Amino acid sequence: MRREPRITPTGPEHLAAVVAMHRRCSPHTLWSRYHRATADPASFLPALLSRPGSVHLAVWDPTGRIVAVGHLMPDGSAVEAALLVEDAWQDRGLGTRLLLRLGRHAAEGEWETAYGLVLPGDERIDAMLGHTALPVHHGDDGGVTTVWARTGDLAEVLPPRRRLRLVRARSRR
């Protein structure tokens, strides 16, 4: 019986697994996420995973490895969303699932807006956003595109968390 990848909260307690996933990612995938060359993930992930007020989610494959992560990081009245999906697991809908789950967390939080920073022409992000009904706006910030949504608008289009699980379970049949 094949099990589907599952999304769970994560944090500093899963640091080794998150570092290992980063190390399996190609330089191109890491560049798309961080928009710069990155140091050894063990040097910056502890601070990221323990950042106060943040939400961190991990996608676990059936063998027990983390294959994708998503983060919401508070930024005043806004919250930044960021995703990283391991190369071998891209194009399977994991990024879309993570984005929807992060959107629900953002809508349930006290932030006014949620945003993500995207490199212009990032076709994977464009495709992922196209698979959702999220009401996003785009703005050019000198070489980086900011994709953002009002959290109240997210709350109107995203079903409650429990229903998200049911919709996903039905779509697997």
Protein backbone atom coordinates (compact mmCIF):
# COMPACT_ATOMS: atom_id res chain seq x y z
CA MET A 1 0.00 0.00 0.00
CA ARG A 2 1.55 3.30 -1.12
CA ARG A 3 1.24 6.17 1.31
CA GLU A 4 1.03 9.79 0.23
CA PRO A 5 3.46 12.41 1.52
CA ARG A 6 2.14 14.10 4.65
CA ILE A 7 2.45 17.66 5.92
CA THR A 8 3.24 18.27 9.58
CA PRO A 9 4.47 21.16 11.69
CA THR A 10 8.23 21.21 12.03
CA GLY A 11 10.85 23.15 13.91
CA PRO A 12 14.29 22.91 15.50
CA GLU A 13 13.60 19.31 16.54
CA HIS A 14 13.80 18.30 12.86
CA LEU A 15 16.89 20.36 12.02
CA ALA A 16 18.98 17.40 10.79
CA ALA A 17 16.22 16.27 8.40
CA VAL A 18 15.69 19.82 7.04
CA VAL A 19 19.45 20.26 6.54
CA ALA A 20 19.65 16.91 4.73
CA MET A 21 16.79 17.96 2.42
CA HIS A 22 18.55 21.26 1.62
CA ARG A 23 21.72 19.34 0.78
CA ARG A 24 19.79 17.19 -1.72
CA CYS A 25 18.54 20.30 -3.56
CA SER A 26 20.30 21.56 -6.66
CA PRO A 27 22.00 24.97 -6.67
CA HIS A 28 19.26 26.18 -9.07
CA THR A 29 16.48 25.15 -6.67
CA LEU A 30 18.26 26.80 -3.72
CA TRP A 31 18.81 29.97 -5.80
CA SER A 32 15.09 30.07 -6.65
CA ARG A 33 14.26 29.92 -2.93
CA TYR A 34 16.93 32.18 -1.42
CA HIS A 35 17.77 34.39 -4.46
CA ARG A 36 21.46 34.20 -3.61
CA ALA A 37 24.21 31.71 -2.98
CA THR A 38 23.70 30.05 0.37
CA ALA A 39 26.09 28.95 3.05
CA ASP A 40 26.01 25.50 4.59
CA PRO A 41 22.35 25.02 5.58
CA ALA A 42 23.42 23.91 9.06
CA SER A 43 24.69 27.47 9.60
CA PHE A 44 21.42 29.36 8.91
CA LEU A 45 18.56 26.88 9.39
CA PRO A 46 18.71 26.79 13.23
CA ALA A 47 17.85 30.52 13.36
CA LEU A 48 15.15 30.14 10.69
CA LEU A 49 13.45 27.19 12.39
CA SER A 50 13.46 28.85 15.81
CA ARG A 51 12.34 32.31 14.69
CA PRO A 52 9.66 33.56 17.14
CA GLY A 53 6.12 33.68 15.81
CA SER A 54 6.94 31.74 12.64
CA VAL A 55 5.05 28.76 11.24
CA HIS A 56 7.11 25.92 9.75
CA LEU A 57 5.70 22.95 7.87
CA ALA A 58 7.46 19.90 6.45
CA VAL A 59 6.39 17.37 3.85
CA TRP A 60 7.48 13.86 4.78
CA ASP A 61 7.75 11.16 2.12
CA PRO A 62 6.56 7.59 2.85
CA THR A 63 10.11 6.58 3.88
CA GLY A 64 10.28 9.24 6.61
CA ARG A 65 12.42 11.87 4.85
CA ILE A 66 11.55 15.54 4.65
CA VAL A 67 11.22 16.42 0.96
CA ALA A 68 9.76 19.94 1.17
CA VAL A 69 9.41 22.76 3.69
CA GLY A 70 7.26 25.84 3.94
CA HIS A 71 7.61 28.81 6.25
CA LEU A 72 5.59 31.82 7.36
CA MET A 73 7.82 34.47 8.90
CA PRO A 74 6.28 37.52 10.59
CA ASP A 75 7.27 40.91 9.18
CA GLY A 76 5.32 43.54 11.10
CA SER A 77 1.69 43.52 9.97
CA ALA A 78 2.64 41.15 7.13
CA VAL A 79 3.94 37.62 6.97
CA GLU A 80 6.40 36.26 4.41
CA ALA A 81 5.74 32.84 2.91
CA ALA A 82 8.60 30.76 1.55
CA LEU A 83 8.73 27.25 0.08
CA LEU A 84 11.42 24.78 -0.90
CA VAL A 85 10.67 21.48 -2.62
CA GLU A 86 13.46 18.99 -3.21
CA ASP A 87 14.22 18.57 -6.94
CA ALA A 88 13.15 14.92 -7.11
CA TRP A 89 9.74 15.84 -5.63
CA GLN A 90 8.92 18.85 -7.79
CA ASP A 91 5.93 18.81 -10.16
CA ARG A 92 3.89 16.56 -7.85
CA GLY A 93 1.72 19.23 -6.22
CA LEU A 94 3.63 19.41 -2.93
CA GLY A 95 4.40 23.12 -3.32
CA THR A 96 0.74 23.84 -4.02
CA ARG A 97 -0.34 21.83 -0.97
CA LEU A 98 2.19 23.66 1.21
CA LEU A 99 1.16 27.05 -0.18
CA LEU A 100 -2.52 26.38 0.56
CA ARG A 101 -1.72 25.21 4.10
CA LEU A 102 0.48 28.28 4.71
CA GLY A 103 -2.29 30.46 3.29
CA ARG A 104 -4.73 29.02 5.82
CA HIS A 105 -2.28 29.71 8.67
CA ALA A 106 -1.81 33.27 7.39
CA ALA A 107 -5.58 33.79 7.15
CA GLU A 108 -6.02 32.56 10.72
CA GLY A 109 -3.21 34.78 12.03
CA GLU A 110 -3.29 38.45 12.91
CA TRP A 111 -1.44 39.67 9.82
CA GLU A 112 -2.96 42.00 7.24
CA THR A 113 -1.08 40.59 4.25
CA ALA A 114 0.94 37.56 3.24
CA TYR A 115 3.67 37.83 0.62
CA GLY A 116 6.41 35.90 -1.10
CA LEU A 117 9.47 37.07 -3.00
CA VAL A 118 9.86 35.49 -6.43
CA LEU A 119 12.46 35.83 -9.13
CA PRO A 120 10.95 37.22 -12.35
CA GLY A 121 10.06 34.46 -14.81
CA ASP A 122 9.92 31.71 -12.17
CA GLU A 123 7.64 29.35 -14.09
CA ARG A 124 7.26 26.89 -11.21
CA ILE A 125 5.83 29.54 -8.90
CA ASP A 126 3.58 30.84 -11.68
CA ALA A 127 2.29 27.30 -12.28
CA MET A 128 1.77 26.69 -8.57
CA LEU A 129 -0.20 29.91 -8.17
CA GLY A 130 -2.22 28.98 -11.25
CA HIS A 131 -3.33 25.76 -9.52
CA THR A 132 -4.85 27.71 -6.65
CA ALA A 133 -7.73 30.14 -6.38
CA LEU A 134 -5.62 32.50 -4.27
CA PRO A 135 -6.32 36.19 -4.97
CA VAL A 136 -2.73 37.34 -5.42
CA HIS A 137 -1.28 40.61 -6.61
CA HIS A 138 2.15 41.17 -8.17
CA GLY A 139 4.59 44.04 -7.72
CA ASP A 140 8.08 44.52 -9.15
CA ASP A 141 10.69 45.46 -6.58
CA GLY A 142 13.77 45.97 -8.77
CA GLY A 143 14.61 42.47 -9.92
CA VAL A 144 12.41 40.59 -7.48
CA THR A 145 8.66 40.18 -7.80
CA THR A 146 6.54 40.43 -4.68
CA VAL A 147 3.44 38.26 -4.82
CA TRP A 148 1.00 39.21 -2.09
CA ALA A 149 -2.55 38.76 -0.85
CA ARG A 150 -4.71 40.27 1.85
CA THR A 151 -5.22 37.67 4.55
CA GLY A 152 -8.94 38.50 4.70
CA ASP A 153 -9.18 37.59 1.01
CA LEU A 154 -7.36 34.33 1.70
CA ALA A 155 -9.84 33.50 4.45
CA GLU A 156 -12.70 33.92 1.97
CA VAL A 157 -11.32 31.50 -0.64
CA LEU A 158 -9.56 28.89 1.50
CA PRO A 159 -11.72 26.26 3.18
CA PRO A 160 -11.12 25.56 6.88
CA ARG A 161 -8.19 23.23 7.58
CA ARG A 162 -10.39 20.22 8.27
CA ARG A 163 -12.14 20.63 4.92
CA LEU A 164 -8.78 20.93 3.13
CA ARG A 165 -7.97 17.44 4.35
CA LEU A 166 -11.33 16.07 3.19
CA VAL A 167 -11.02 17.66 -0.25
CA ARG A 168 -7.56 16.16 -0.64
CA ALA A 169 -8.71 12.74 0.56
CA ARG A 170 -11.60 12.70 -1.91
CA SER A 171 -9.41 13.77 -4.82
CA ARG A 172 -7.17 10.71 -4.29
CA ARG A 173 -9.98 8.29 -5.06
